[in-house]
Amino acid sequence: MIALVLVTIFTVYFQYFFAASLGLWETIPNLFLPLIIYYSITRENISGFVLAFLLGIIIDLNQPSSFGVSSLLFLIIAFSLGKLKKLLGRQLVGVGIALLLATNLFYFLLSSLIFLVFNAGDALAFGKIMVLTLYNSVYSLIIILLLYLIDHLKLSFTQK
C-alpha cells in the first residue's frame, strides 16, 4: 500500500509539472491511465476503484467546467478492467497491448465526446484523438512495465 501511495504521489507530481513538455500537438499525455490500468488488473477491485476516483478528482479539480467527467471515466475503466480480470484471468496478459489501446481510445474518445456535447471544454479532432491514443498508449506501456518491475523488485528484496 505504501508503494501505491508513493507511486501515485510521484505520478501526480510528474503529470502536473513535466507531462506538458512531453505533449504532442498541444495535448498533454494522461499518465494516470496506466496507474489505473495496472492497479485495476493486479490488485483487488477496491484498490482500482479508490485510485480511479482519487485520480479522477485530481484532474477534475483542475478542470472545473468538466467536473466529474474524469472520475466517471476512470471508474468505468477500473470497473471494466476488474470484470475482465475475473473473466479472462491469466489470459488478460496476452491481450495487454490491445487492452492498452482500447482503454486509451475509450478515455480520449469519450471525454472528447462529452466535452463536445456539453460544450464543457475543448473537444479534440478525431485525428488528434487517434494520435493521442497511440502516443499515450506508448507511455502507458512504459509506465506499466516500470510498475511491474517495481512490484517485482520489491518482492525480490523482501524474499532475501
C-alpha atoms as a PDB file:
ATOM      1  CA  MET A   1       0.000   0.000   0.000  1.00  0.00           C
ATOM      2  CA  ILE A   2       2.876   2.358   0.760  1.00  0.00           C
ATOM      3  CA  ALA A   3       4.354   1.732  -2.689  1.00  0.00           C
ATOM      4  CA  LEU A   4       0.985   2.559  -4.264  1.00  0.00           C
ATOM      5  CA  VAL A   5       0.790   5.861  -2.383  1.00  0.00           C
ATOM      6  CA  LEU A   6       4.376   6.814  -3.270  1.00  0.00           C
ATOM      7  CA  VAL A   7       3.975   5.912  -6.936  1.00  0.00           C
ATOM      8  CA  THR A   8       0.696   7.836  -7.075  1.00  0.00           C
ATOM      9  CA  ILE A   9       2.228  10.947  -5.492  1.00  0.00           C
ATOM     10  CA  PHE A  10       5.171  10.781  -7.896  1.00  0.00           C
ATOM     11  CA  THR A  11       2.832  10.380 -10.881  1.00  0.00           C
ATOM     12  CA  VAL A  12       0.645  13.306  -9.804  1.00  0.00           C
ATOM     13  CA  TYR A  13       3.761  15.453  -9.435  1.00  0.00           C
ATOM     14  CA  PHE A  14       5.111  14.327 -12.818  1.00  0.00           C
ATOM     15  CA  GLN A  15       1.728  14.804 -14.525  1.00  0.00           C
ATOM     16  CA  TYR A  16       1.356  18.406 -13.459  1.00  0.00           C
ATOM     17  CA  PHE A  17       4.949  19.591 -13.686  1.00  0.00           C
ATOM     18  CA  PHE A  18       6.557  17.633 -16.532  1.00  0.00           C
ATOM     19  CA  ALA A  19       3.905  15.973 -18.705  1.00  0.00           C
ATOM     20  CA  ALA A  20       3.208  19.185 -20.637  1.00  0.00           C
ATOM     21  CA  SER A  21       6.747  19.053 -22.012  1.00  0.00           C
ATOM     22  CA  LEU A  22       6.023  15.523 -23.278  1.00  0.00           C
ATOM     23  CA  GLY A  23       2.893  16.653 -25.105  1.00  0.00           C
ATOM     24  CA  LEU A  24       2.257  16.275 -28.778  1.00  0.00           C
ATOM     25  CA  TRP A  25       0.408  18.964 -30.785  1.00  0.00           C
ATOM     26  CA  GLU A  26      -0.613  20.956 -27.742  1.00  0.00           C
ATOM     27  CA  THR A  27      -2.004  17.907 -25.972  1.00  0.00           C
ATOM     28  CA  ILE A  28      -0.788  16.507 -22.690  1.00  0.00           C
ATOM     29  CA  PRO A  29      -0.471  12.738 -22.199  1.00  0.00           C
ATOM     30  CA  ASN A  30      -2.541  11.339 -19.343  1.00  0.00           C
ATOM     31  CA  LEU A  31      -0.133   9.480 -17.096  1.00  0.00           C
ATOM     32  CA  PHE A  32      -2.881   8.493 -14.664  1.00  0.00           C
ATOM     33  CA  LEU A  33      -4.419   5.951 -17.053  1.00  0.00           C
ATOM     34  CA  PRO A  34      -1.533   3.462 -16.780  1.00  0.00           C
ATOM     35  CA  LEU A  35      -1.751   3.568 -12.979  1.00  0.00           C
ATOM     36  CA  ILE A  36      -5.452   2.807 -13.093  1.00  0.00           C
ATOM     37  CA  ILE A  37      -4.949   0.060 -15.666  1.00  0.00           C
ATOM     38  CA  TYR A  38      -2.107  -1.583 -13.750  1.00  0.00           C
ATOM     39  CA  TYR A  39      -3.640  -1.436 -10.290  1.00  0.00           C
ATOM     40  CA  SER A  40      -7.101  -2.467 -11.516  1.00  0.00           C
ATOM     41  CA  ILE A  41      -5.596  -5.582 -13.051  1.00  0.00           C
ATOM     42  CA  THR A  42      -3.005  -6.516 -10.428  1.00  0.00           C
ATOM     43  CA  ARG A  43      -4.841  -5.656  -7.206  1.00  0.00           C
ATOM     44  CA  GLU A  44      -8.298  -6.298  -5.845  1.00  0.00           C
ATOM     45  CA  ASN A  45     -11.144  -4.212  -7.222  1.00  0.00           C
ATOM     46  CA  ILE A  46     -11.373  -1.766  -4.323  1.00  0.00           C
ATOM     47  CA  SER A  47      -7.796  -0.509  -4.862  1.00  0.00           C
ATOM     48  CA  GLY A  48      -8.520   0.199  -8.504  1.00  0.00           C
ATOM     49  CA  PHE A  49     -11.796   1.965  -7.658  1.00  0.00           C
ATOM     50  CA  VAL A  50     -10.292   4.146  -4.939  1.00  0.00           C
ATOM     51  CA  LEU A  51      -7.305   5.058  -7.097  1.00  0.00           C
ATOM     52  CA  ALA A  52      -9.518   5.772 -10.115  1.00  0.00           C
ATOM     53  CA  PHE A  53     -11.803   8.009  -8.085  1.00  0.00           C
ATOM     54  CA  LEU A  54      -8.980   9.957  -6.413  1.00  0.00           C
ATOM     55  CA  LEU A  55      -7.029  10.492  -9.629  1.00  0.00           C
ATOM     56  CA  GLY A  56     -10.221  11.498 -11.413  1.00  0.00           C
ATOM     57  CA  ILE A  57     -10.997  14.040  -8.708  1.00  0.00           C
ATOM     58  CA  ILE A  58      -7.461  15.452  -9.008  1.00  0.00           C
ATOM     59  CA  ILE A  59      -7.969  16.003 -12.734  1.00  0.00           C
ATOM     60  CA  ASP A  60     -11.495  17.345 -12.226  1.00  0.00           C
ATOM     61  CA  LEU A  61     -10.338  19.890  -9.653  1.00  0.00           C
ATOM     62  CA  ASN A  62      -8.092  21.404 -12.312  1.00  0.00           C
ATOM     63  CA  GLN A  63     -10.904  21.469 -14.885  1.00  0.00           C
ATOM     64  CA  PRO A  64     -13.986  22.790 -13.077  1.00  0.00           C
ATOM     65  CA  SER A  65     -16.026  23.116 -16.265  1.00  0.00           C
ATOM     66  CA  SER A  66     -15.967  19.347 -16.705  1.00  0.00           C
ATOM     67  CA  PHE A  67     -16.093  18.342 -13.058  1.00  0.00           C
ATOM     68  CA  GLY A  68     -16.847  14.654 -12.657  1.00  0.00           C
ATOM     69  CA  VAL A  69     -16.055  13.528 -16.207  1.00  0.00           C
ATOM     70  CA  SER A  70     -12.595  12.146 -15.467  1.00  0.00           C
ATOM     71  CA  SER A  71     -13.754  10.492 -12.248  1.00  0.00           C
ATOM     72  CA  LEU A  72     -16.638   8.840 -14.050  1.00  0.00           C
ATOM     73  CA  LEU A  73     -14.483   7.625 -16.938  1.00  0.00           C
ATOM     74  CA  PHE A  74     -11.739   6.358 -14.616  1.00  0.00           C
ATOM     75  CA  LEU A  75     -14.304   4.477 -12.519  1.00  0.00           C
ATOM     76  CA  ILE A  76     -15.816   2.893 -15.639  1.00  0.00           C
ATOM     77  CA  ILE A  77     -12.335   1.835 -16.750  1.00  0.00           C
ATOM     78  CA  ALA A  78     -11.461   0.391 -13.315  1.00  0.00           C
ATOM     79  CA  PHE A  79     -14.782  -1.472 -13.130  1.00  0.00           C
ATOM     80  CA  SER A  80     -14.431  -2.868 -16.666  1.00  0.00           C
ATOM     81  CA  LEU A  81     -10.861  -3.999 -16.089  1.00  0.00           C
ATOM     82  CA  GLY A  82     -11.857  -5.660 -12.817  1.00  0.00           C
ATOM     83  CA  LYS A  83     -14.589  -7.586 -14.625  1.00  0.00           C
ATOM     84  CA  LEU A  84     -12.192  -8.505 -17.450  1.00  0.00           C
ATOM     85  CA  LYS A  85      -9.670  -9.751 -14.898  1.00  0.00           C
ATOM     86  CA  LYS A  86     -12.272 -12.058 -13.394  1.00  0.00           C
ATOM     87  CA  LEU A  87     -13.446 -13.211 -16.825  1.00  0.00           C
ATOM     88  CA  LEU A  88     -10.080 -13.768 -18.517  1.00  0.00           C
ATOM     89  CA  GLY A  89      -7.767 -14.458 -15.582  1.00  0.00           C
ATOM     90  CA  ARG A  90      -4.211 -15.124 -16.758  1.00  0.00           C
ATOM     91  CA  GLN A  91      -5.178 -14.709 -20.419  1.00  0.00           C
ATOM     92  CA  LEU A  92      -5.535 -10.981 -19.775  1.00  0.00           C
ATOM     93  CA  VAL A  93      -1.764 -10.585 -20.132  1.00  0.00           C
ATOM     94  CA  GLY A  94      -1.956 -11.933 -23.690  1.00  0.00           C
ATOM     95  CA  VAL A  95      -4.266  -9.149 -24.794  1.00  0.00           C
ATOM     96  CA  GLY A  96      -2.290  -6.453 -22.981  1.00  0.00           C
ATOM     97  CA  ILE A  97      -1.362  -4.213 -25.934  1.00  0.00           C
ATOM     98  CA  ALA A  98      -4.874  -4.334 -27.384  1.00  0.00           C
ATOM     99  CA  LEU A  99      -6.268  -3.596 -23.929  1.00  0.00           C
ATOM    100  CA  LEU A 100      -3.977  -0.559 -23.577  1.00  0.00           C
ATOM    101  CA  LEU A 101      -5.050   0.789 -26.941  1.00  0.00           C
ATOM    102  CA  ALA A 102      -8.730   0.148 -26.241  1.00  0.00           C
ATOM    103  CA  THR A 103      -8.597   1.768 -22.798  1.00  0.00           C
ATOM    104  CA  ASN A 104      -6.790   4.861 -24.063  1.00  0.00           C
ATOM    105  CA  LEU A 105      -9.128   5.135 -27.048  1.00  0.00           C
ATOM    106  CA  PHE A 106     -12.168   4.791 -24.781  1.00  0.00           C
ATOM    107  CA  TYR A 107     -10.927   7.508 -22.431  1.00  0.00           C
ATOM    108  CA  PHE A 108      -9.888  10.060 -25.047  1.00  0.00           C
ATOM    109  CA  LEU A 109     -12.817   9.446 -27.389  1.00  0.00           C
ATOM    110  CA  LEU A 110     -15.490   9.517 -24.705  1.00  0.00           C
ATOM    111  CA  SER A 111     -14.038  12.512 -22.850  1.00  0.00           C
ATOM    112  CA  SER A 112     -13.805  14.462 -26.100  1.00  0.00           C
ATOM    113  CA  LEU A 113     -17.381  13.479 -26.980  1.00  0.00           C
ATOM    114  CA  ILE A 114     -18.622  14.622 -23.568  1.00  0.00           C
ATOM    115  CA  PHE A 115     -16.758  17.922 -23.951  1.00  0.00           C
ATOM    116  CA  LEU A 116     -18.282  18.355 -27.396  1.00  0.00           C
ATOM    117  CA  VAL A 117     -21.855  17.546 -26.327  1.00  0.00           C
ATOM    118  CA  PHE A 118     -21.847  19.634 -23.151  1.00  0.00           C
ATOM    119  CA  ASN A 119     -19.541  22.307 -24.535  1.00  0.00           C
ATOM    120  CA  ALA A 120     -17.557  21.977 -21.315  1.00  0.00           C
ATOM    121  CA  GLY A 121     -14.117  22.286 -22.842  1.00  0.00           C
ATOM    122  CA  ASP A 122     -12.081  21.823 -25.934  1.00  0.00           C
ATOM    123  CA  ALA A 123     -13.083  18.731 -27.877  1.00  0.00           C
ATOM    124  CA  LEU A 124     -10.276  17.243 -29.902  1.00  0.00           C
ATOM    125  CA  ALA A 125     -10.496  16.423 -33.596  1.00  0.00           C
ATOM    126  CA  PHE A 126     -10.757  12.713 -34.388  1.00  0.00           C
ATOM    127  CA  GLY A 127      -7.273  12.611 -35.913  1.00  0.00           C
ATOM    128  CA  LYS A 128      -5.775  14.155 -32.792  1.00  0.00           C
ATOM    129  CA  ILE A 129      -7.666  11.663 -30.653  1.00  0.00           C
ATOM    130  CA  MET A 130      -6.198   8.765 -32.622  1.00  0.00           C
ATOM    131  CA  VAL A 131      -2.647  10.150 -32.452  1.00  0.00           C
ATOM    132  CA  LEU A 132      -3.011  10.939 -28.760  1.00  0.00           C
ATOM    133  CA  THR A 133      -4.374   7.443 -28.147  1.00  0.00           C
ATOM    134  CA  LEU A 134      -1.337   5.836 -29.788  1.00  0.00           C
ATOM    135  CA  TYR A 135       1.046   8.273 -28.134  1.00  0.00           C
ATOM    136  CA  ASN A 136      -0.467   7.768 -24.680  1.00  0.00           C
ATOM    137  CA  SER A 137      -0.538   4.004 -25.204  1.00  0.00           C
ATOM    138  CA  VAL A 138       3.229   4.012 -25.658  1.00  0.00           C
ATOM    139  CA  TYR A 139       3.613   5.965 -22.408  1.00  0.00           C
ATOM    140  CA  SER A 140       1.141   3.624 -20.748  1.00  0.00           C
ATOM    141  CA  LEU A 141       3.122   0.576 -21.793  1.00  0.00           C
ATOM    142  CA  ILE A 142       6.365   2.059 -20.469  1.00  0.00           C
ATOM    143  CA  ILE A 143       4.787   3.073 -17.159  1.00  0.00           C
ATOM    144  CA  ILE A 144       3.075  -0.293 -16.714  1.00  0.00           C
ATOM    145  CA  LEU A 145       6.374  -2.085 -17.350  1.00  0.00           C
ATOM    146  CA  LEU A 146       8.063   0.166 -14.777  1.00  0.00           C
ATOM    147  CA  LEU A 147       5.296  -0.536 -12.249  1.00  0.00           C
ATOM    148  CA  TYR A 148       5.674  -4.255 -12.903  1.00  0.00           C
ATOM    149  CA  LEU A 149       9.425  -4.016 -12.327  1.00  0.00           C
ATOM    150  CA  ILE A 150       8.915  -2.021  -9.128  1.00  0.00           C
ATOM    151  CA  ASP A 151       6.479  -4.620  -7.797  1.00  0.00           C
ATOM    152  CA  HIS A 152       8.806  -7.499  -8.621  1.00  0.00           C
ATOM    153  CA  LEU A 153      11.900  -5.710  -7.384  1.00  0.00           C
ATOM    154  CA  LYS A 154      10.136  -5.125  -4.075  1.00  0.00           C
ATOM    155  CA  LEU A 155       9.259  -8.814  -3.892  1.00  0.00           C
ATOM    156  CA  SER A 156      12.838  -9.890  -4.593  1.00  0.00           C
ATOM    157  CA  PHE A 157      14.128  -7.602  -1.829  1.00  0.00           C
ATOM    158  CA  THR A 158      11.667  -8.986   0.697  1.00  0.00           C
ATOM    159  CA  GLN A 159      12.373 -12.616  -0.177  1.00  0.00           C
ATOM    160  CA  LYS A 160      16.101 -12.437   0.628  1.00  0.00           C
END
